[in-house]
């Protein structure tokens, strides 16, 4: 769930193996779709239904994985600028540490959010230890 940006079309089409069947997977899919759609505001619900429905429907049945991906893309702007922002924040850790008066809990939270933000978009941080050590 944290790497929603990495969902591929093939993974989304896995739903074809269980949709329209009487199985636990089909039931789980249906319940999750209902839960996701029920959690939306009316405005958001109608925008998703009107503009994005074809992207999460598999053989006329709503599928959880592509619906979740669409919702996350709407909730969190997925652009190169967002990825750049996370990378820049990791490259400026000493500056951030100064802004939080050396509060290690806030610092750790900031690093974790940046790494998770990149991870959810399919990006990796191979040199995190070097970034941490270089700054201090």
Protein backbone atom coordinates (compact mmCIF):
# COMPACT_ATOMS: atom_id res chain seq x y z
CA UNK A 1 0.00 0.00 0.00
CA UNK A 2 2.90 2.38 0.57
CA UNK A 3 4.27 1.86 -2.94
CA UNK A 4 1.08 2.67 -4.82
CA UNK A 5 3.02 4.49 -7.52
CA UNK A 6 4.68 1.22 -8.48
CA UNK A 7 1.43 -0.60 -9.34
CA UNK A 8 1.64 -1.72 -12.94
CA UNK A 9 -1.18 -2.31 -15.36
CA UNK A 10 -0.40 -6.03 -15.30
CA UNK A 11 -0.80 -6.11 -11.53
CA UNK A 12 -4.06 -4.25 -11.83
CA UNK A 13 -5.28 -6.76 -14.40
CA UNK A 14 -4.66 -9.62 -11.95
CA UNK A 15 -8.19 -8.86 -10.85
CA UNK A 16 -9.35 -10.66 -14.00
CA UNK A 17 -8.49 -13.94 -12.29
CA UNK A 18 -11.04 -13.48 -9.52
CA UNK A 19 -13.59 -10.82 -10.49
CA UNK A 20 -17.07 -12.17 -11.18
CA UNK A 21 -16.26 -15.33 -9.22
CA UNK A 22 -17.53 -16.51 -5.90
CA UNK A 23 -14.27 -16.31 -4.00
CA UNK A 24 -12.76 -14.59 -0.99
CA UNK A 25 -10.60 -12.43 -3.29
CA UNK A 26 -13.65 -11.18 -5.20
CA UNK A 27 -15.44 -10.45 -1.94
CA UNK A 28 -12.41 -8.62 -0.51
CA UNK A 29 -12.13 -6.59 -3.72
CA UNK A 30 -15.80 -5.58 -3.61
CA UNK A 31 -15.67 -4.61 0.06
CA UNK A 32 -12.49 -2.58 -0.39
CA UNK A 33 -13.93 -0.74 -3.41
CA UNK A 34 -17.04 0.10 -1.39
CA UNK A 35 -14.90 1.27 1.53
CA UNK A 36 -12.72 3.48 -0.67
CA UNK A 37 -15.64 5.04 -2.52
CA UNK A 38 -17.60 5.59 0.71
CA UNK A 39 -14.64 7.47 2.21
CA UNK A 40 -14.74 10.14 -0.50
CA UNK A 41 -16.52 13.45 -0.37
CA UNK A 42 -19.47 13.75 -2.76
CA UNK A 43 -17.51 16.10 -5.02
CA UNK A 44 -14.52 13.79 -5.22
CA UNK A 45 -16.74 10.73 -5.68
CA UNK A 46 -18.50 12.28 -8.69
CA UNK A 47 -15.23 13.46 -10.23
CA UNK A 48 -13.73 9.98 -9.93
CA UNK A 49 -16.88 8.31 -11.26
CA UNK A 50 -17.22 10.75 -14.17
CA UNK A 51 -13.61 11.18 -15.23
CA UNK A 52 -11.69 8.13 -14.03
CA UNK A 53 -14.14 5.23 -13.89
CA UNK A 54 -12.80 3.52 -17.02
CA UNK A 55 -9.34 3.38 -15.44
CA UNK A 56 -10.41 1.25 -12.49
CA UNK A 57 -13.08 -0.88 -14.11
CA UNK A 58 -12.05 -4.38 -15.20
CA UNK A 59 -14.70 -6.09 -17.32
CA UNK A 60 -17.31 -3.68 -15.94
CA UNK A 61 -16.37 -4.50 -12.33
CA UNK A 62 -14.50 -1.98 -10.15
CA UNK A 63 -11.03 -3.17 -9.14
CA UNK A 64 -9.35 -2.06 -5.92
CA UNK A 65 -5.72 -1.72 -7.04
CA UNK A 66 -6.25 0.76 -9.91
CA UNK A 67 -8.89 2.65 -7.89
CA UNK A 68 -6.48 3.02 -4.98
CA UNK A 69 -3.73 4.18 -7.34
CA UNK A 70 -6.02 6.82 -8.88
CA UNK A 71 -7.11 8.09 -5.47
CA UNK A 72 -3.54 8.35 -4.23
CA UNK A 73 -2.48 10.17 -7.38
CA UNK A 74 -5.25 12.69 -6.78
CA UNK A 75 -4.46 13.05 -3.09
CA UNK A 76 -0.71 13.38 -3.56
CA UNK A 77 0.51 15.22 -6.63
CA UNK A 78 2.74 12.78 -8.49
CA UNK A 79 5.13 14.85 -10.55
CA UNK A 80 8.82 15.05 -11.09
CA UNK A 81 8.75 18.19 -9.00
CA UNK A 82 7.52 16.18 -6.01
CA UNK A 83 10.33 13.66 -6.42
CA UNK A 84 12.80 16.53 -6.79
CA UNK A 85 11.45 18.09 -3.58
CA UNK A 86 12.02 14.89 -1.61
CA UNK A 87 15.55 14.48 -3.01
CA UNK A 88 16.38 18.12 -2.26
CA UNK A 89 15.14 17.75 1.31
CA UNK A 90 17.47 14.77 1.77
CA UNK A 91 20.36 16.74 0.31
CA UNK A 92 19.81 19.60 2.76
CA UNK A 93 19.56 17.74 6.05
CA UNK A 94 21.93 20.00 7.97
CA UNK A 95 19.81 23.03 7.04
CA UNK A 96 16.68 21.23 8.19
CA UNK A 97 18.33 20.23 11.48
CA UNK A 98 18.98 23.91 12.15
CA UNK A 99 15.36 24.84 11.51
CA UNK A 100 14.13 22.34 14.12
CA UNK A 101 16.72 23.36 16.77
CA UNK A 102 18.45 19.96 16.59
CA UNK A 103 15.28 18.08 17.58
CA UNK A 104 16.23 14.52 16.62
CA UNK A 105 12.63 13.26 16.67
CA UNK A 106 11.50 15.87 14.14
CA UNK A 107 14.64 15.24 12.11
CA UNK A 108 14.02 11.48 12.00
CA UNK A 109 10.39 12.05 11.05
CA UNK A 110 11.49 14.37 8.22
CA UNK A 111 13.99 11.83 6.86
CA UNK A 112 11.47 8.98 7.11
CA UNK A 113 8.78 11.00 5.28
CA UNK A 114 11.21 11.91 2.50
CA UNK A 115 12.39 8.33 2.04
CA UNK A 116 8.82 6.98 2.10
CA UNK A 117 7.71 9.68 -0.35
CA UNK A 118 10.38 8.57 -2.80
CA UNK A 119 9.67 4.89 -2.19
CA UNK A 120 5.96 5.30 -2.89
CA UNK A 121 6.90 6.70 -6.29
CA UNK A 122 9.21 3.81 -7.13
CA UNK A 123 12.38 5.74 -6.30
CA UNK A 124 15.20 4.58 -4.06
CA UNK A 125 17.73 6.29 -1.84
CA UNK A 126 20.95 4.29 -2.09
CA UNK A 127 23.15 6.77 -0.26
CA UNK A 128 21.10 7.70 2.80
CA UNK A 129 23.92 6.90 5.26
CA UNK A 130 26.29 9.07 3.24
CA UNK A 131 23.78 11.91 3.22
CA UNK A 132 23.39 11.65 6.98
CA UNK A 133 27.12 11.46 7.66
CA UNK A 134 28.07 14.15 5.13
CA UNK A 135 25.82 16.71 6.74
CA UNK A 136 27.19 16.34 10.22
